[in-house]
Amino acid sequence: GHGAFGSITAIDGNTITMTDRAGQTQTINVDANTRIERHRDHTIKVDELQVGDHIIVIGAPSNGIIHARFVSVVGSSPLDLIPDRNAPPKAFGNSS
C-alpha cells in the first residue's frame, strides 16, 4: 500500500484534499470500505473529519488520487513532531 501524511485543507463529500510535508496537494478518495479512525480504535465517519486535522492515509494511488483503505487522524499537532530525515529540525531555525 501507499502511505501519505498531511493536513486536511478541504473536505467535499468523500473527497479529502490534504497538503503533505513537501507542500504537495494530495487528493484522497474514501468510500464505504475506508476505515477512518480518530485516536486509537475510535472509528468515525468522513463527515467527522475537520479541516486542519493531521491524517495518515494508507491506500492505492490511481491517476493522482489516493483511494484510501485506512485514514487515521493523528490530531492537530504540528507537523514538526513527525520526523523527516530530509529536513533540519525547525526548532533550530534555518541558517542560510
N, C-alpha and C. Protein backbone atom coordinates (compact mmCIF):
# COMPACT_ATOMS: atom_id res chain seq x y z
N GLY A 1 0.82 -1.20 0.00
CA GLY A 1 0.00 0.00 0.00
C GLY A 1 0.85 1.24 0.00
N HIS A 2 0.22 2.36 -0.23
CA HIS A 2 0.88 3.65 -0.32
C HIS A 2 0.53 4.45 0.93
N GLY A 3 1.50 5.08 1.53
CA GLY A 3 1.24 5.87 2.72
C GLY A 3 1.47 7.35 2.46
N ALA A 4 0.62 8.18 3.04
CA ALA A 4 0.77 9.62 2.91
C ALA A 4 0.42 10.25 4.25
N PHE A 5 1.04 11.40 4.51
CA PHE A 5 0.76 12.11 5.76
C PHE A 5 0.62 13.58 5.45
N GLY A 6 -0.37 14.22 6.04
CA GLY A 6 -0.52 15.65 5.81
C GLY A 6 -1.66 16.22 6.61
N SER A 7 -1.99 17.48 6.31
CA SER A 7 -3.09 18.14 6.99
C SER A 7 -4.21 18.41 5.99
N ILE A 8 -5.44 18.21 6.45
CA ILE A 8 -6.61 18.38 5.59
C ILE A 8 -6.80 19.86 5.29
N THR A 9 -6.96 20.16 4.00
CA THR A 9 -7.25 21.54 3.60
C THR A 9 -8.67 21.71 3.10
N ALA A 10 -9.31 20.60 2.69
CA ALA A 10 -10.70 20.68 2.23
C ALA A 10 -11.33 19.30 2.30
N ILE A 11 -12.64 19.29 2.53
CA ILE A 11 -13.40 18.05 2.51
C ILE A 11 -14.65 18.30 1.69
N ASP A 12 -14.85 17.47 0.67
CA ASP A 12 -16.02 17.62 -0.20
C ASP A 12 -16.62 16.24 -0.41
N GLY A 13 -17.63 15.93 0.40
CA GLY A 13 -18.24 14.61 0.31
C GLY A 13 -17.22 13.55 0.68
N ASN A 14 -16.93 12.63 -0.26
CA ASN A 14 -15.98 11.56 0.00
C ASN A 14 -14.59 11.89 -0.51
N THR A 15 -14.35 13.14 -0.86
CA THR A 15 -13.04 13.55 -1.35
C THR A 15 -12.38 14.45 -0.32
N ILE A 16 -11.18 14.06 0.09
CA ILE A 16 -10.41 14.84 1.05
C ILE A 16 -9.20 15.41 0.31
N THR A 17 -8.97 16.71 0.49
CA THR A 17 -7.77 17.32 -0.04
C THR A 17 -6.84 17.60 1.12
N MET A 18 -5.57 17.22 0.97
CA MET A 18 -4.62 17.49 2.04
C MET A 18 -3.30 17.96 1.46
N THR A 19 -2.54 18.64 2.29
CA THR A 19 -1.20 19.09 1.91
C THR A 19 -0.20 18.28 2.69
N ASP A 20 0.78 17.67 1.99
CA ASP A 20 1.76 16.86 2.68
C ASP A 20 2.95 17.71 3.13
N ARG A 21 3.93 17.07 3.74
CA ARG A 21 5.07 17.80 4.30
C ARG A 21 5.82 18.59 3.25
N ALA A 22 5.84 18.07 2.03
CA ALA A 22 6.59 18.74 0.96
C ALA A 22 5.79 19.89 0.36
N GLY A 23 4.56 20.12 0.87
CA GLY A 23 3.75 21.19 0.34
C GLY A 23 2.95 20.78 -0.88
N GLN A 24 2.96 19.48 -1.20
CA GLN A 24 2.21 18.97 -2.34
C GLN A 24 0.76 18.71 -1.94
N THR A 25 -0.13 19.03 -2.86
CA THR A 25 -1.54 18.73 -2.62
C THR A 25 -1.83 17.29 -3.00
N GLN A 26 -2.50 16.58 -2.11
CA GLN A 26 -2.88 15.19 -2.35
C GLN A 26 -4.40 15.11 -2.30
N THR A 27 -4.97 14.37 -3.25
CA THR A 27 -6.41 14.13 -3.25
C THR A 27 -6.67 12.71 -2.79
N ILE A 28 -7.54 12.57 -1.80
CA ILE A 28 -7.83 11.27 -1.22
C ILE A 28 -9.31 10.98 -1.39
N ASN A 29 -9.61 9.79 -1.87
CA ASN A 29 -10.99 9.37 -2.03
C ASN A 29 -11.29 8.29 -1.00
N VAL A 30 -12.38 8.47 -0.26
CA VAL A 30 -12.80 7.45 0.70
C VAL A 30 -14.13 6.87 0.25
N ASP A 31 -14.40 5.64 0.66
CA ASP A 31 -15.68 5.02 0.34
C ASP A 31 -16.17 4.25 1.55
N ALA A 32 -17.21 3.44 1.34
CA ALA A 32 -17.82 2.73 2.47
C ALA A 32 -16.85 1.75 3.11
N ASN A 33 -15.82 1.34 2.37
CA ASN A 33 -14.88 0.37 2.91
C ASN A 33 -13.69 1.00 3.60
N THR A 34 -13.58 2.33 3.52
CA THR A 34 -12.44 3.00 4.16
C THR A 34 -12.66 3.05 5.66
N ARG A 35 -11.64 2.63 6.41
CA ARG A 35 -11.71 2.73 7.87
C ARG A 35 -11.09 4.07 8.27
N ILE A 36 -11.85 4.87 8.99
CA ILE A 36 -11.37 6.17 9.45
C ILE A 36 -11.36 6.16 10.96
N GLU A 37 -10.20 6.47 11.52
CA GLU A 37 -10.05 6.44 12.98
C GLU A 37 -9.61 7.80 13.50
N ARG A 38 -10.15 8.17 14.64
CA ARG A 38 -9.64 9.31 15.41
C ARG A 38 -9.22 8.75 16.75
N HIS A 39 -8.01 8.99 17.15
CA HIS A 39 -7.42 8.29 18.29
C HIS A 39 -7.35 6.80 17.93
N ARG A 40 -7.10 5.96 18.86
CA ARG A 40 -6.94 4.54 18.55
C ARG A 40 -8.27 3.81 18.72
N ASP A 41 -8.64 3.06 17.69
CA ASP A 41 -9.82 2.19 17.75
C ASP A 41 -11.13 2.96 17.89
N HIS A 42 -11.13 4.25 17.56
CA HIS A 42 -12.37 5.00 17.61
C HIS A 42 -12.72 5.36 16.17
N THR A 43 -13.63 4.59 15.59
CA THR A 43 -13.97 4.77 14.18
C THR A 43 -14.94 5.94 14.02
N ILE A 44 -14.69 6.77 13.03
CA ILE A 44 -15.56 7.92 12.75
C ILE A 44 -15.96 7.90 11.28
N LYS A 45 -16.92 8.73 10.93
CA LYS A 45 -17.34 8.89 9.54
C LYS A 45 -16.56 10.04 8.91
N VAL A 46 -16.57 10.04 7.57
CA VAL A 46 -15.79 11.06 6.88
C VAL A 46 -16.27 12.46 7.24
N ASP A 47 -17.56 12.63 7.52
CA ASP A 47 -18.05 13.98 7.82
C ASP A 47 -17.67 14.43 9.23
N GLU A 48 -17.00 13.56 9.98
CA GLU A 48 -16.50 13.97 11.29
C GLU A 48 -15.06 14.47 11.21
N LEU A 49 -14.45 14.31 10.05
CA LEU A 49 -13.12 14.90 9.84
C LEU A 49 -13.26 16.41 9.75
N GLN A 50 -12.18 17.10 10.06
CA GLN A 50 -12.21 18.56 10.03
C GLN A 50 -10.99 19.09 9.30
N VAL A 51 -11.19 20.22 8.62
CA VAL A 51 -10.05 20.91 8.01
C VAL A 51 -9.05 21.23 9.11
N GLY A 52 -7.79 20.95 8.84
CA GLY A 52 -6.74 21.18 9.83
C GLY A 52 -6.32 19.92 10.54
N ASP A 53 -7.15 18.88 10.47
CA ASP A 53 -6.75 17.60 11.07
C ASP A 53 -5.52 17.06 10.36
N HIS A 54 -4.61 16.49 11.12
CA HIS A 54 -3.46 15.82 10.52
C HIS A 54 -3.79 14.33 10.42
N ILE A 55 -3.60 13.79 9.23
CA ILE A 55 -4.03 12.42 8.97
C ILE A 55 -2.91 11.61 8.34
N ILE A 56 -2.95 10.31 8.62
CA ILE A 56 -2.13 9.33 7.92
C ILE A 56 -3.09 8.55 7.02
N VAL A 57 -2.73 8.41 5.76
CA VAL A 57 -3.58 7.73 4.79
C VAL A 57 -2.83 6.52 4.25
N ILE A 58 -3.50 5.38 4.23
CA ILE A 58 -2.96 4.19 3.58
C ILE A 58 -3.92 3.82 2.46
N GLY A 59 -3.39 3.66 1.26
CA GLY A 59 -4.26 3.33 0.15
C GLY A 59 -3.47 3.13 -1.12
N ALA A 60 -4.20 3.05 -2.22
CA ALA A 60 -3.60 2.81 -3.52
C ALA A 60 -3.79 4.03 -4.41
N PRO A 61 -2.67 4.62 -4.87
CA PRO A 61 -2.81 5.78 -5.75
C PRO A 61 -3.19 5.36 -7.16
N SER A 62 -4.08 6.14 -7.77
CA SER A 62 -4.50 5.89 -9.15
C SER A 62 -4.88 7.22 -9.78
N ASN A 63 -4.21 7.55 -10.88
CA ASN A 63 -4.49 8.81 -11.58
C ASN A 63 -4.40 10.01 -10.64
N GLY A 64 -3.42 9.99 -9.75
CA GLY A 64 -3.21 11.14 -8.87
C GLY A 64 -4.12 11.19 -7.68
N ILE A 65 -5.00 10.22 -7.54
CA ILE A 65 -5.91 10.16 -6.39
C ILE A 65 -5.56 8.94 -5.56
N ILE A 66 -5.46 9.14 -4.24
CA ILE A 66 -5.22 8.00 -3.35
C ILE A 66 -6.57 7.44 -2.93
N HIS A 67 -6.80 6.19 -3.27
CA HIS A 67 -8.04 5.52 -2.85
C HIS A 67 -7.77 4.89 -1.48
N ALA A 68 -8.25 5.54 -0.45
CA ALA A 68 -7.84 5.21 0.91
C ALA A 68 -8.53 3.96 1.42
N ARG A 69 -7.72 3.07 1.97
CA ARG A 69 -8.26 1.94 2.72
C ARG A 69 -8.36 2.29 4.21
N PHE A 70 -7.48 3.17 4.64
CA PHE A 70 -7.38 3.49 6.07
C PHE A 70 -6.96 4.95 6.22
N VAL A 71 -7.68 5.66 7.07
CA VAL A 71 -7.32 7.04 7.41
C VAL A 71 -7.27 7.12 8.93
N SER A 72 -6.17 7.64 9.45
CA SER A 72 -6.05 7.80 10.90
C SER A 72 -5.74 9.25 11.22
N VAL A 73 -6.59 9.85 12.06
CA VAL A 73 -6.36 11.22 12.50
C VAL A 73 -5.34 11.19 13.63
N VAL A 74 -4.26 11.93 13.47
CA VAL A 74 -3.22 11.95 14.49
C VAL A 74 -3.25 13.27 15.25
N GLY A 75 -4.41 13.93 15.20
CA GLY A 75 -4.59 15.14 15.98
C GLY A 75 -4.21 16.37 15.19
N SER A 76 -4.33 17.51 15.83
CA SER A 76 -3.98 18.77 15.20
C SER A 76 -2.62 19.23 15.67
N SER A 77 -1.74 18.24 15.91
CA SER A 77 -0.40 18.56 16.39
C SER A 77 0.45 19.10 15.24
N PRO A 78 1.47 19.88 15.55
CA PRO A 78 2.31 20.44 14.48
C PRO A 78 2.98 19.34 13.68
N LEU A 79 3.15 19.60 12.39
CA LEU A 79 3.84 18.65 11.53
C LEU A 79 5.27 18.42 12.01
N ASP A 80 5.82 19.38 12.75
CA ASP A 80 7.20 19.27 13.20
C ASP A 80 7.42 18.03 14.08
N LEU A 81 6.35 17.51 14.66
CA LEU A 81 6.51 16.36 15.55
C LEU A 81 6.81 15.08 14.79
N ILE A 82 6.53 15.07 13.49
CA ILE A 82 6.80 13.88 12.69
C ILE A 82 8.21 14.00 12.12
N PRO A 83 9.11 13.09 12.44
CA PRO A 83 10.49 13.23 11.97
C PRO A 83 10.57 13.15 10.45
N ASP A 84 11.36 14.00 9.88
CA ASP A 84 11.61 13.97 8.45
C ASP A 84 13.11 14.01 8.26
N ARG A 85 13.66 12.91 7.79
CA ARG A 85 15.12 12.81 7.71
C ARG A 85 15.71 13.84 6.77
N ASN A 86 14.90 14.34 5.84
CA ASN A 86 15.44 15.24 4.82
C ASN A 86 15.45 16.69 5.26
N ALA A 87 14.74 16.99 6.33
CA ALA A 87 14.62 18.39 6.73
C ALA A 87 15.28 18.60 8.09
N PRO A 88 15.96 19.72 8.25
CA PRO A 88 16.55 20.02 9.57
C PRO A 88 15.43 20.34 10.57
N PRO A 89 15.66 20.09 11.83
CA PRO A 89 14.63 20.43 12.83
C PRO A 89 14.33 21.92 12.77
N LYS A 90 13.05 22.25 12.70
CA LYS A 90 12.68 23.65 12.54
C LYS A 90 12.98 24.45 13.81
N ALA A 91 13.05 23.76 14.93
CA ALA A 91 13.27 24.45 16.20
C ALA A 91 14.60 25.20 16.19
N PHE A 92 15.54 24.72 15.39
CA PHE A 92 16.86 25.33 15.38
C PHE A 92 16.96 26.43 14.34
N GLY A 93 15.88 26.67 13.61
CA GLY A 93 15.92 27.72 12.58
C GLY A 93 16.73 27.29 11.38
N ASN A 94 16.63 28.04 10.33
CA ASN A 94 17.36 27.76 9.11
C ASN A 94 18.40 28.85 8.88
N SER A 95 19.67 28.47 9.02
CA SER A 95 20.73 29.44 8.77
C SER A 95 21.20 29.26 7.35
N SER A 96 21.08 30.32 6.53
CA SER A 96 21.47 30.19 5.13
C SER A 96 22.71 31.03 4.87
